[in-house]
Protein backbone atom coordinates (compact mmCIF):
# COMPACT_ATOMS: atom_id res chain seq x y z
CA MET A 1 0.63 12.36 -18.40
CA SER A 2 3.70 12.90 -16.06
CA THR A 3 6.90 11.45 -17.22
CA SER A 4 8.40 8.47 -15.30
CA PRO A 5 10.50 9.50 -13.23
CA VAL A 6 8.65 12.79 -12.49
CA THR A 7 10.37 15.99 -13.26
CA PRO A 8 10.38 18.35 -10.37
CA GLY A 9 7.82 21.18 -10.48
CA THR A 10 5.77 19.64 -13.18
CA GLY A 11 2.39 19.24 -11.13
CA TRP A 12 2.68 16.01 -9.45
CA PRO A 13 0.37 15.99 -6.37
CA GLY A 14 2.35 16.79 -3.21
CA ASP A 15 5.79 17.53 -5.06
CA PRO A 16 7.64 19.64 -2.74
CA ALA A 17 10.36 20.49 -5.12
CA THR A 18 10.69 23.04 -8.02
CA SER A 19 13.25 23.30 -10.97
CA ALA A 20 15.10 25.62 -8.66
CA THR A 21 15.49 23.27 -5.81
CA PRO A 22 19.24 22.47 -5.18
CA VAL A 23 20.38 18.97 -5.85
CA ALA A 24 22.76 16.98 -3.70
CA THR A 25 24.95 14.67 -5.91
CA THR A 26 27.65 13.72 -3.21
CA PRO A 27 27.66 12.92 0.45
CA ASP A 28 29.14 16.05 1.41
CA GLU A 29 26.34 17.89 -0.45
CA VAL A 30 23.65 15.92 1.36
CA VAL A 31 25.17 17.16 4.61
CA ARG A 32 25.44 20.68 3.38
CA LEU A 33 21.81 20.90 2.05
CA ALA A 34 20.28 18.90 5.01
CA THR A 35 21.93 21.12 7.88
CA THR A 36 21.01 24.45 5.97
CA ALA A 37 17.41 23.42 5.40
CA PRO A 38 15.34 26.00 7.43
CA ASP A 39 12.20 23.97 7.94
CA GLN A 40 10.57 20.60 6.88
CA ALA A 41 9.20 22.14 3.68
CA ALA A 42 12.65 22.98 2.32
CA LEU A 43 14.01 19.56 3.80
CA ASP A 44 11.34 17.77 1.90
CA ALA A 45 12.09 19.53 -1.41
CA ARG A 46 15.89 18.81 -1.07
CA VAL A 47 15.28 15.18 -0.29
CA SER A 48 13.02 14.62 -3.16
CA VAL A 49 15.62 15.45 -5.72
CA CYS A 50 18.80 13.99 -4.12
CA ARG A 51 20.99 12.01 -6.58
CA ALA A 52 23.91 11.26 -4.04
CA CYS A 53 23.72 7.38 -4.29
CA LEU A 54 24.42 6.25 -7.82
CA ARG A 55 23.14 2.64 -7.29
CA LEU A 56 19.80 3.91 -5.84
CA VAL A 57 19.35 6.54 -8.57
CA GLU A 58 19.74 3.96 -11.28
CA TRP A 59 17.55 1.31 -9.52
CA ARG A 60 14.67 3.65 -8.66
CA GLU A 61 14.73 5.23 -12.10
CA GLN A 62 15.03 1.62 -13.85
CA VAL A 63 11.76 0.69 -11.71
CA ALA A 64 10.14 3.81 -12.84
CA ALA A 65 10.78 3.08 -16.54
CA THR A 66 10.04 -0.62 -16.78
CA LYS A 67 7.14 -0.50 -14.19
CA ARG A 68 5.19 -3.51 -12.81
CA ALA A 69 2.62 -5.01 -15.38
CA ALA A 70 -0.29 -3.99 -12.98
CA PHE A 71 0.69 -0.41 -13.03
CA ALA A 72 1.88 -0.23 -16.61
CA ASP A 73 -0.56 2.46 -17.60
CA GLN A 74 0.69 4.76 -14.65
CA PRO A 75 3.35 7.19 -14.19
CA TYR A 76 6.00 6.51 -11.53
CA TRP A 77 7.32 9.15 -9.22
CA GLY A 78 10.94 7.36 -9.30
CA ARG A 79 12.64 9.92 -7.19
CA PRO A 80 13.52 10.09 -3.45
CA VAL A 81 10.32 9.92 -1.22
CA PRO A 82 10.04 12.74 1.27
CA SER A 83 8.62 12.66 4.60
CA PHE A 84 4.88 12.92 4.83
CA GLY A 85 2.51 14.41 7.42
CA ASP A 86 1.89 17.24 9.91
CA PRO A 87 5.00 19.65 9.96
CA GLU A 88 4.11 20.31 13.57
CA ALA A 89 3.70 16.80 14.66
CA GLU A 90 4.74 15.66 18.19
CA VAL A 91 4.82 12.01 16.96
CA LEU A 92 7.00 10.57 14.43
CA VAL A 93 7.01 7.11 12.62
CA VAL A 94 10.16 5.86 11.51
CA GLY A 95 10.16 3.16 8.60
CA LEU A 96 13.18 2.09 6.56
CA ALA A 97 12.93 2.83 2.67
CA PRO A 98 10.42 3.27 0.04
CA ALA A 99 8.86 0.13 -1.79
CA ALA A 100 9.74 -0.14 -5.41
CA HIS A 101 6.26 -0.33 -6.72
CA GLY A 102 4.78 1.44 -3.72
CA ALA A 103 6.04 4.71 -2.53
CA ASN A 104 8.63 4.81 -5.56
CA ARG A 105 5.40 4.60 -7.82
CA THR A 106 3.15 7.06 -5.94
CA GLY A 107 5.63 9.50 -4.25
CA ARG A 108 4.21 9.24 -0.92
CA MET A 109 5.56 7.31 2.30
CA PHE A 110 3.72 3.99 2.54
CA THR A 111 1.24 4.58 -0.21
CA GLY A 112 0.21 1.99 -2.97
CA ASP A 113 1.18 -1.20 -1.16
CA ARG A 114 -0.01 -3.42 1.54
CA SER A 115 2.27 -2.27 4.05
CA GLY A 116 0.68 1.03 3.74
CA ASP A 117 -2.81 -0.52 3.96
CA TRP A 118 -1.88 -1.81 7.54
CA LEU A 119 -0.16 1.33 8.73
CA TYR A 120 -2.62 3.85 7.64
CA ALA A 121 -5.59 1.70 8.66
CA ALA A 122 -3.89 1.58 12.13
CA LEU A 123 -3.22 5.33 12.34
CA HIS A 124 -6.91 5.98 11.28
CA ARG A 125 -8.06 3.84 14.10
CA ALA A 126 -5.81 5.71 16.50
CA GLY A 127 -7.07 9.24 15.29
CA TYR A 128 -3.91 10.35 13.49
CA ALA A 129 -5.17 9.87 9.88
CA ASN A 130 -8.47 11.18 8.39
CA GLN A 131 -9.14 7.97 6.37
CA PRO A 132 -8.03 4.35 6.49
CA THR A 133 -6.42 4.16 2.99
CA SER A 134 -3.57 5.34 1.11
CA VAL A 135 -3.62 4.67 -2.62
CA SER A 136 -2.21 7.63 -4.39
CA ALA A 137 -0.76 11.17 -3.69
CA ASP A 138 -3.84 12.90 -4.45
CA ASP A 139 -6.17 10.62 -2.50
CA GLY A 140 -7.02 13.19 0.25
CA LEU A 141 -5.21 11.40 2.89
CA ARG A 142 -3.96 13.75 5.71
CA LEU A 143 -2.04 13.19 9.11
CA THR A 144 -2.74 15.00 12.31
CA ASN A 145 0.05 15.54 14.69
CA LEU A 146 2.00 12.75 13.21
CA ARG A 147 4.84 12.72 10.48
CA ILE A 148 6.32 9.67 8.72
CA VAL A 149 10.00 9.67 8.14
CA ALA A 150 12.73 7.23 6.82
CA PRO A 151 16.40 6.63 7.19
CA VAL A 152 16.55 5.91 3.34
CA HIS A 153 14.56 7.80 0.91
CA CYS A 154 15.09 5.91 -2.30
CA ALA A 155 13.79 2.55 -2.97
CA PRO A 156 16.52 0.05 -2.70
CA PRO A 157 17.17 -3.22 -4.92
CA ALA A 158 15.93 -6.27 -2.95
CA ASN A 159 14.75 -3.77 -0.13
CA GLN A 160 18.14 -3.69 1.10
CA PRO A 161 20.11 -0.31 1.19
CA THR A 162 23.80 -0.88 1.85
CA PRO A 163 25.44 0.54 4.94
CA THR A 164 27.14 3.25 2.73
CA GLU A 165 23.75 4.38 1.40
CA GLN A 166 22.30 4.57 5.03
CA ALA A 167 25.25 6.71 6.06
CA THR A 168 24.83 8.91 3.07
CA CYS A 169 21.23 9.44 3.56
CA SER A 170 21.80 10.03 7.44
CA ALA A 171 21.93 13.70 7.36
CA TRP A 172 18.44 14.08 6.21
CA LEU A 173 17.08 12.09 9.35
CA ASP A 174 19.50 14.15 11.59
CA ARG A 175 17.95 17.38 10.27
CA GLU A 176 14.28 15.88 10.55
CA LEU A 177 14.95 15.23 14.17
CA ALA A 178 16.61 18.42 14.97
CA LEU A 179 13.64 20.49 13.37
CA SER A 180 11.26 18.58 15.45
CA SER A 181 13.04 18.29 18.71
CA ASP A 182 11.47 21.34 20.46
CA ARG A 183 7.90 19.62 20.19
CA LEU A 184 8.58 16.09 19.95
CA ARG A 185 6.96 13.61 22.34
CA SER A 186 7.36 10.16 20.93
CA VAL A 187 8.75 8.14 18.13
CA LEU A 188 7.58 4.66 16.80
CA VAL A 189 10.24 2.80 14.92
CA LEU A 190 9.23 0.07 12.38
CA GLY A 191 11.91 -2.72 12.33
CA GLY A 192 15.31 -3.14 13.67
CA ILE A 193 17.17 -1.33 10.78
CA GLY A 194 15.14 1.89 11.36
CA TRP A 195 15.81 1.42 15.35
CA ALA A 196 19.61 1.25 14.80
CA ASN A 197 19.52 4.21 12.48
CA LEU A 198 17.28 6.40 14.70
CA LEU A 199 19.55 5.77 17.74
CA ARG A 200 22.56 6.72 15.65
CA ALA A 201 20.91 9.87 14.67
CA ALA A 202 19.87 10.80 18.05
CA ARG A 203 23.35 10.45 19.16
CA ARG A 204 24.82 12.70 16.27
CA ILE A 205 22.67 15.47 17.16
CA GLY A 206 23.49 15.47 20.80
CA TRP A 207 20.43 13.55 22.38
CA SER A 208 21.22 11.37 25.39
CA VAL A 209 20.64 7.70 24.48
CA PRO A 210 20.65 4.94 27.29
CA ARG A 211 23.85 2.72 27.72
CA PRO A 212 23.87 0.00 26.75
CA GLN A 213 21.96 0.67 23.57
CA PRO A 214 18.41 -0.23 23.73
CA ARG A 215 17.68 -3.51 21.97
CA PHE A 216 14.99 -3.59 19.52
CA GLY A 217 11.90 -5.76 19.72
CA HIS A 218 8.18 -5.36 19.27
CA GLY A 219 7.02 -3.30 22.16
CA ALA A 220 10.61 -2.34 23.15
CA GLU A 221 10.80 1.20 24.74
CA ALA A 222 13.57 3.63 25.56
CA THR A 223 13.74 7.07 26.90
CA LEU A 224 15.69 9.76 24.85
CA THR A 225 16.57 13.21 26.19
CA THR A 226 17.32 16.18 23.99
CA PRO A 227 20.08 18.72 24.93
CA ALA A 228 17.23 21.15 26.13
CA GLY A 229 15.87 18.45 28.54
CA ARG A 230 12.86 17.19 26.52
CA VAL A 231 12.07 13.68 27.17
CA ILE A 232 11.06 11.51 24.25
CA ARG A 233 9.53 8.26 24.28
CA LEU A 234 11.10 5.56 21.61
CA VAL A 235 8.73 2.52 20.93
CA GLY A 236 9.68 -0.37 18.75
CA SER A 237 7.35 -2.24 16.45
CA TYR A 238 7.87 -5.06 13.97
CA HIS A 239 7.70 -3.63 10.47
CA VAL A 240 4.44 -3.67 8.68
CA SER A 241 6.04 -5.67 5.76
CA GLN A 242 3.88 -8.55 4.04
CA GLN A 243 6.26 -10.95 5.52
CA ASN A 244 5.34 -9.95 8.95
CA THR A 245 1.57 -9.32 8.45
CA PHE A 246 0.90 -12.29 6.30
CA THR A 247 2.61 -14.81 8.78
CA GLY A 248 1.03 -13.36 11.75
CA LYS A 249 4.31 -12.07 13.26
CA LEU A 250 2.52 -8.67 13.56
CA THR A 251 -1.15 -8.53 14.14
CA GLU A 252 -3.42 -5.48 14.12
CA PRO A 253 -3.97 -5.68 17.91
CA MET A 254 -0.14 -5.66 18.42
CA LEU A 255 0.28 -2.58 15.94
CA ASP A 256 -2.67 -0.86 17.69
CA GLU A 257 -1.07 -1.49 21.31
CA VAL A 258 2.23 0.10 20.35
CA ILE A 259 0.50 3.19 18.53
CA ALA A 260 -1.51 3.75 21.52
CA ARG A 261 1.64 4.18 23.66
CA LEU A 262 2.66 7.30 21.51
CA ARG A 263 0.08 9.56 23.29
């Protein structure tokens, strides 16, 4: 059985890192390692071993060690969760941060919790996912022409990353957008925090963003333009959190409708 947290390169399904992967321990090192990542594979590996935010490192590893009773017999990933999906994707989905007993446990974005149940079922209905469920890193799920990314890659206490933690993690998102900009067609952002982070990242890497800044809302749209003149459609959606789905603030038809606009 794997240890909790998982040691890089020890055989966890989908682990992009090895014992030789460089580790960022400061915000400056995050910037250096992100900007020099040559492709998504290298970026994912470097993200997955980052230790630049002490509070998040302590929290994610504490959760991995203590576990939830329902998962007491399972190893926990307990590391930053890298992006997931097709490296040649024309569509991105932007979340916020891993859930403590979801992606922080399974090591894959939106996997192992009810938010993921909603998202992957919708992506399957739209033809982006080969199956409607996402329970573990080795369950056979594959995404086609879509990649899931996040402004923050570690599970935060109370699901609330601080502004400083968001800023430290921002270089990873900047590089993600830069690496995909020559083929990207559309971006679906889940929630207002993700929306704000995505727009800041777009500006940092030189994309044209409308003024005044587009407001977030379910179904909100904006047009972004890369320095090469590529037009990218930005679409907003309420987050697939249990708070939104249980209360009916977000319904399956609402989610299906915004995903349909990504084509």
